[in-house]
N, C-alpha and C. Protein backbone atom coordinates (compact mmCIF):
# COMPACT_ATOMS: atom_id res chain seq x y z
N MET A 1 9.01 17.49 12.99
CA MET A 1 8.76 17.85 11.58
C MET A 1 9.10 16.48 10.54
N ALA A 2 10.17 15.92 11.02
CA ALA A 2 10.69 14.67 9.93
C ALA A 2 9.29 13.74 9.88
N ALA A 3 8.71 13.44 11.16
CA ALA A 3 7.45 12.42 11.21
C ALA A 3 6.39 12.94 10.49
N ASP A 4 6.19 14.27 10.72
CA ASP A 4 5.08 14.95 9.64
C ASP A 4 5.29 14.63 8.18
N ARG A 5 6.52 14.95 7.93
CA ARG A 5 6.95 14.69 6.45
C ARG A 5 6.67 13.36 5.89
N ARG A 6 7.32 12.54 6.75
CA ARG A 6 7.03 11.09 6.30
C ARG A 6 5.66 10.53 6.16
N ALA A 7 4.84 11.22 7.27
CA ALA A 7 3.35 10.78 6.97
C ALA A 7 2.70 11.22 5.62
N SER A 8 3.18 12.40 5.15
CA SER A 8 2.72 12.91 4.02
C SER A 8 3.36 12.11 2.75
N TRP A 9 4.66 11.81 2.99
CA TRP A 9 5.21 10.88 1.95
C TRP A 9 4.36 9.58 1.71
N LEU A 10 4.16 9.03 2.82
CA LEU A 10 3.29 7.72 3.08
C LEU A 10 1.91 7.96 2.38
N LYS A 11 1.30 8.95 2.77
CA LYS A 11 0.12 9.02 2.23
C LYS A 11 -0.25 9.26 0.78
N GLY A 12 0.84 9.74 0.12
CA GLY A 12 1.05 9.80 -1.40
C GLY A 12 1.35 8.40 -1.94
N VAL A 13 1.73 7.57 -1.39
CA VAL A 13 2.14 6.21 -1.95
C VAL A 13 1.60 5.00 -1.38
N LEU A 14 0.65 5.24 -0.43
CA LEU A 14 0.03 3.97 0.24
C LEU A 14 -0.67 3.16 -0.67
N ASP A 15 -1.44 3.76 -1.42
CA ASP A 15 -2.24 2.69 -2.44
C ASP A 15 -1.52 1.94 -3.09
N LEU A 16 -0.31 2.34 -3.69
CA LEU A 16 0.62 1.61 -4.28
C LEU A 16 1.18 0.56 -3.58
N LEU A 17 1.67 1.06 -2.20
CA LEU A 17 2.35 0.00 -1.36
C LEU A 17 1.37 -1.15 -1.03
N VAL A 18 0.04 -0.69 -0.85
CA VAL A 18 -1.09 -1.90 -0.62
C VAL A 18 -0.97 -2.87 -1.73
N LEU A 19 -1.22 -2.27 -2.89
CA LEU A 19 -1.31 -3.09 -4.11
C LEU A 19 -0.03 -3.93 -4.09
N ALA A 20 1.22 -3.41 -3.79
CA ALA A 20 2.28 -4.31 -4.06
C ALA A 20 2.44 -5.36 -2.86
N SER A 21 1.80 -5.22 -1.84
CA SER A 21 1.81 -5.97 -0.77
C SER A 21 0.88 -7.32 -1.03
N LEU A 22 0.01 -7.17 -2.06
CA LEU A 22 -0.75 -8.31 -2.54
C LEU A 22 -0.34 -9.11 -3.59
N THR A 23 0.88 -8.89 -4.00
CA THR A 23 1.32 -9.40 -5.35
C THR A 23 1.37 -10.74 -5.11
N HIS A 24 1.81 -11.24 -3.88
CA HIS A 24 2.07 -12.75 -3.59
C HIS A 24 1.14 -13.56 -3.18
N GLY A 25 -0.10 -12.98 -3.14
CA GLY A 25 -1.44 -13.60 -2.66
C GLY A 25 -2.19 -12.84 -1.80
N GLU A 26 -3.33 -13.47 -1.55
CA GLU A 26 -4.27 -12.62 -0.83
C GLU A 26 -3.84 -12.31 0.79
N SER A 27 -4.47 -11.33 1.41
CA SER A 27 -4.06 -11.00 2.78
C SER A 27 -5.05 -10.32 3.35
N TYR A 28 -5.24 -9.99 4.60
CA TYR A 28 -6.31 -9.24 5.17
C TYR A 28 -5.52 -8.05 6.00
N GLY A 29 -6.17 -7.03 6.40
CA GLY A 29 -5.92 -5.92 6.71
C GLY A 29 -4.63 -5.66 7.75
N TYR A 30 -4.85 -6.59 8.85
CA TYR A 30 -3.88 -6.47 9.79
C TYR A 30 -2.33 -7.18 9.32
N GLU A 31 -2.48 -8.12 8.53
CA GLU A 31 -1.32 -8.85 7.94
C GLU A 31 -0.74 -7.70 7.00
N ILE A 32 -1.49 -7.14 6.14
CA ILE A 32 -0.76 -5.95 5.22
C ILE A 32 -0.09 -4.84 6.22
N ALA A 33 -0.85 -4.42 7.09
CA ALA A 33 -0.13 -3.49 8.03
C ALA A 33 1.05 -3.85 8.53
N LYS A 34 1.10 -4.95 9.03
CA LYS A 34 2.28 -5.95 9.55
C LYS A 34 3.54 -5.78 8.66
N ARG A 35 3.27 -6.20 7.41
CA ARG A 35 4.17 -6.18 6.36
C ARG A 35 4.89 -4.94 6.13
N LEU A 36 4.08 -4.01 5.96
CA LEU A 36 4.35 -2.63 5.68
C LEU A 36 5.31 -2.18 6.78
N ALA A 37 4.88 -2.37 8.13
CA ALA A 37 5.61 -1.97 9.24
C ALA A 37 7.20 -2.72 9.30
N GLU A 38 6.95 -4.11 8.84
CA GLU A 38 8.13 -4.69 8.83
C GLU A 38 9.33 -4.06 7.82
N ALA A 39 8.67 -3.58 6.59
CA ALA A 39 9.42 -2.98 5.63
C ALA A 39 9.87 -1.72 5.99
N GLY A 40 9.73 -1.38 7.16
CA GLY A 40 10.35 0.23 7.70
C GLY A 40 9.32 1.30 7.59
N LEU A 41 8.17 1.24 7.29
CA LEU A 41 7.24 2.30 6.84
C LEU A 41 6.36 2.68 8.04
N GLY A 42 6.56 2.31 9.38
CA GLY A 42 5.91 2.62 10.62
C GLY A 42 4.66 1.96 10.62
N GLN A 43 4.03 2.11 11.76
CA GLN A 43 2.72 1.49 11.97
C GLN A 43 1.80 2.31 11.34
N ILE A 44 0.82 1.54 10.37
CA ILE A 44 -0.18 2.23 9.68
C ILE A 44 -1.64 1.65 10.40
N LYS A 45 -2.26 2.55 10.93
CA LYS A 45 -3.40 2.27 11.69
C LYS A 45 -4.66 1.95 10.87
N GLY A 46 -5.67 1.14 11.30
CA GLY A 46 -6.65 0.83 10.64
C GLY A 46 -7.60 2.00 9.93
N GLY A 47 -7.37 3.01 10.87
CA GLY A 47 -8.29 4.32 10.26
C GLY A 47 -7.62 4.81 8.78
N THR A 48 -6.57 4.36 8.76
CA THR A 48 -5.74 4.95 7.46
C THR A 48 -5.92 3.80 6.48
N LEU A 49 -5.66 2.27 6.85
CA LEU A 49 -5.31 1.43 5.83
C LEU A 49 -6.89 1.12 5.46
N TYR A 50 -7.84 0.83 6.11
CA TYR A 50 -9.15 0.27 5.78
C TYR A 50 -9.78 1.27 4.57
N PRO A 51 -9.81 2.60 4.74
CA PRO A 51 -10.36 3.33 3.51
C PRO A 51 -9.47 3.18 2.29
N VAL A 52 -8.19 3.00 2.31
CA VAL A 52 -7.41 2.53 1.28
C VAL A 52 -8.02 1.41 0.59
N LEU A 53 -8.01 0.51 1.39
CA LEU A 53 -8.38 -1.01 0.81
C LEU A 53 -9.93 -0.87 0.51
N ASN A 54 -10.73 -0.02 0.84
CA ASN A 54 -12.29 0.19 0.43
C ASN A 54 -12.21 0.89 -0.95
N ARG A 55 -11.33 1.94 -1.03
CA ARG A 55 -11.36 2.75 -2.25
C ARG A 55 -10.51 1.83 -3.45
N LEU A 56 -9.75 0.98 -3.04
CA LEU A 56 -8.98 0.01 -4.08
C LEU A 56 -9.97 -0.97 -4.39
N GLU A 57 -10.83 -1.37 -3.51
CA GLU A 57 -12.01 -2.37 -4.11
C GLU A 57 -12.88 -1.67 -4.89
N GLU A 58 -13.28 -0.35 -4.51
CA GLU A 58 -14.41 0.22 -5.43
C GLU A 58 -13.66 0.59 -6.77
N ALA A 59 -12.54 0.60 -6.74
CA ALA A 59 -11.84 1.13 -8.27
C ALA A 59 -11.80 -0.07 -8.98
N GLY A 60 -12.02 -1.44 -8.32
CA GLY A 60 -11.66 -2.72 -8.92
C GLY A 60 -10.37 -3.17 -9.07
N LEU A 61 -9.53 -2.45 -8.24
CA LEU A 61 -8.21 -3.16 -8.14
C LEU A 61 -7.75 -4.08 -7.10
N VAL A 62 -8.74 -4.24 -6.34
CA VAL A 62 -8.65 -5.47 -5.21
C VAL A 62 -10.05 -6.18 -5.31
N SER A 63 -10.01 -7.23 -5.04
CA SER A 63 -11.38 -7.89 -4.60
C SER A 63 -11.43 -8.45 -3.24
N ALA A 64 -12.51 -8.39 -2.52
CA ALA A 64 -12.39 -8.77 -1.05
C ALA A 64 -13.44 -10.02 -0.84
N GLU A 65 -13.11 -10.79 0.00
CA GLU A 65 -14.13 -11.86 0.38
C GLU A 65 -13.83 -11.96 2.12
N PHE A 66 -15.11 -11.95 2.57
CA PHE A 66 -15.31 -12.07 4.07
C PHE A 66 -15.24 -13.62 4.40
N ARG A 67 -14.52 -14.01 5.37
CA ARG A 67 -14.50 -15.32 5.80
C ARG A 67 -14.46 -15.49 7.27
N VAL A 68 -15.45 -16.42 7.71
CA VAL A 68 -15.75 -16.64 9.18
C VAL A 68 -14.52 -17.43 9.63
N ALA A 69 -14.10 -17.08 10.77
CA ALA A 69 -12.95 -17.81 11.40
C ALA A 69 -13.61 -18.76 12.50
N ASP A 70 -12.75 -19.98 12.66
CA ASP A 70 -12.81 -20.93 13.70
C ASP A 70 -12.93 -20.11 14.99
N ARG A 71 -12.09 -19.48 15.31
CA ARG A 71 -11.76 -18.71 16.49
C ARG A 71 -11.55 -17.26 16.35
N GLY A 72 -12.33 -16.43 17.01
CA GLY A 72 -12.14 -14.99 16.79
C GLY A 72 -13.05 -14.39 15.71
N PRO A 73 -12.88 -13.12 15.52
CA PRO A 73 -13.79 -12.56 14.63
C PRO A 73 -13.32 -13.01 13.03
N GLY A 74 -14.30 -13.04 12.27
CA GLY A 74 -13.99 -13.06 10.85
C GLY A 74 -13.17 -12.24 10.14
N ARG A 75 -12.47 -12.45 9.14
CA ARG A 75 -11.54 -11.65 8.40
C ARG A 75 -11.96 -11.35 6.93
N ARG A 76 -11.72 -10.32 6.58
CA ARG A 76 -11.93 -9.88 5.13
C ARG A 76 -10.57 -9.82 4.38
N TYR A 77 -10.47 -10.94 3.36
CA TYR A 77 -9.29 -11.18 2.52
C TYR A 77 -9.38 -10.42 1.21
N TYR A 78 -8.25 -9.89 0.89
CA TYR A 78 -8.09 -8.77 -0.08
C TYR A 78 -7.26 -9.71 -1.08
N HIS A 79 -7.55 -9.73 -2.49
CA HIS A 79 -6.84 -10.19 -3.73
C HIS A 79 -6.64 -8.96 -4.69
N LEU A 80 -5.39 -9.11 -5.33
CA LEU A 80 -5.02 -8.28 -6.34
C LEU A 80 -5.93 -8.82 -7.65
N THR A 81 -6.52 -7.81 -8.27
CA THR A 81 -7.21 -8.08 -9.64
C THR A 81 -6.36 -7.93 -10.82
N ASP A 82 -6.71 -8.52 -11.87
CA ASP A 82 -5.85 -8.14 -13.04
C ASP A 82 -5.71 -6.73 -13.33
N GLU A 83 -6.90 -6.00 -13.11
CA GLU A 83 -6.72 -4.65 -13.33
C GLU A 83 -5.66 -4.00 -12.23
N GLY A 84 -5.87 -4.47 -11.04
CA GLY A 84 -4.95 -4.17 -10.00
C GLY A 84 -3.50 -4.42 -10.40
N ARG A 85 -3.27 -5.46 -10.99
CA ARG A 85 -1.65 -5.74 -11.30
C ARG A 85 -1.39 -4.87 -12.50
N ALA A 86 -2.10 -4.63 -13.43
CA ALA A 86 -1.79 -3.51 -14.55
C ALA A 86 -1.57 -2.16 -13.90
N THR A 87 -2.52 -1.65 -12.85
CA THR A 87 -2.19 -0.44 -12.21
C THR A 87 -1.15 -0.35 -11.30
N LEU A 88 -0.55 -1.41 -10.84
CA LEU A 88 0.44 -1.65 -10.02
C LEU A 88 1.80 -1.59 -10.98
N ALA A 89 1.69 -2.05 -12.14
CA ALA A 89 2.96 -2.16 -12.81
C ALA A 89 3.14 -0.71 -13.47
N GLU A 90 2.03 0.01 -13.86
CA GLU A 90 1.97 1.19 -14.26
C GLU A 90 2.58 2.46 -13.39
N GLN A 91 1.87 2.28 -12.22
CA GLN A 91 1.96 3.20 -10.99
C GLN A 91 3.45 3.08 -10.62
N SER A 92 4.04 1.79 -10.56
CA SER A 92 5.18 1.57 -9.85
C SER A 92 6.41 2.24 -10.88
N ARG A 93 6.04 2.12 -12.21
CA ARG A 93 6.91 2.77 -13.33
C ARG A 93 7.04 4.23 -13.18
N LEU A 94 5.79 4.86 -12.70
CA LEU A 94 5.87 6.10 -12.78
C LEU A 94 6.35 6.62 -11.38
N TRP A 95 6.21 6.01 -10.18
CA TRP A 95 6.71 6.31 -8.97
C TRP A 95 8.33 6.11 -8.98
N LEU A 96 8.95 5.15 -9.81
CA LEU A 96 10.26 4.87 -9.57
C LEU A 96 10.90 6.05 -10.66
N ALA A 97 10.26 6.41 -11.80
CA ALA A 97 10.86 7.56 -12.41
C ALA A 97 10.81 8.85 -11.56
N PHE A 98 9.57 9.07 -10.73
CA PHE A 98 9.53 10.38 -9.94
C PHE A 98 10.70 10.16 -8.93
N ASP A 99 10.95 8.98 -8.22
CA ASP A 99 11.84 8.76 -7.30
C ASP A 99 13.36 9.14 -7.85
N GLU A 100 13.56 8.81 -8.98
CA GLU A 100 14.75 9.06 -9.62
C GLU A 100 15.00 10.64 -9.80
N SER A 101 14.05 11.29 -10.21
CA SER A 101 14.22 12.75 -10.55
C SER A 101 14.40 13.36 -8.88
N VAL A 102 13.49 12.97 -8.02
CA VAL A 102 13.96 13.59 -6.66
C VAL A 102 15.31 13.27 -6.28
N ARG A 103 16.04 12.03 -6.52
CA ARG A 103 17.12 11.81 -6.02
C ARG A 103 18.15 12.58 -6.92
N ASP A 104 17.92 12.80 -8.11
CA ASP A 104 19.02 13.62 -8.91
C ASP A 104 18.93 15.12 -8.26
N VAL A 105 17.64 15.64 -8.03
CA VAL A 105 17.51 17.08 -7.40
C VAL A 105 18.20 17.20 -6.10
N LEU A 106 18.08 16.14 -5.33
CA LEU A 106 18.66 16.20 -3.95
C LEU A 106 20.11 15.80 -4.00
N ALA A 107 20.71 15.07 -4.88
CA ALA A 107 22.00 14.74 -4.87
C ALA A 107 22.79 16.24 -5.58
N ARG A 108 22.28 16.85 -6.19
CA ARG A 108 22.58 18.10 -6.83
C ARG A 108 22.66 19.25 -5.96
N GLY A 109 21.75 19.18 -4.86
CA GLY A 109 21.53 20.01 -3.81
C GLY A 109 22.56 19.82 -2.62
N THR A 110 23.15 18.73 -2.52
CA THR A 110 24.18 18.28 -1.59
C THR A 110 25.45 18.41 -1.96
N ARG A 111 25.85 18.84 -3.28
CA ARG A 111 27.17 18.80 -3.74
C ARG A 111 27.83 20.06 -3.32
């Protein structure tokens, strides 16, 4: 049950986490997934991540550029747009306020 719950929580905030992962520069899907896994969020599969990236691109929050590689397959690099930065700032503020409310309720429930 705990794993199912974590997946639901992650689904609700994955767009925000992907935007945050692009704040320090461009990246490609595998690297984004790797960073999120290293942050303790578990393995995020391509079937979950790439629809998020496509949705963010369609919304104008990220832009993407395909680059041919010297070796191996080409990669699609994602960049945070100005609109994406503004959305990240606003949604981060809202998420942190929500997180604080949840923590308050949980703390009261364990006293």
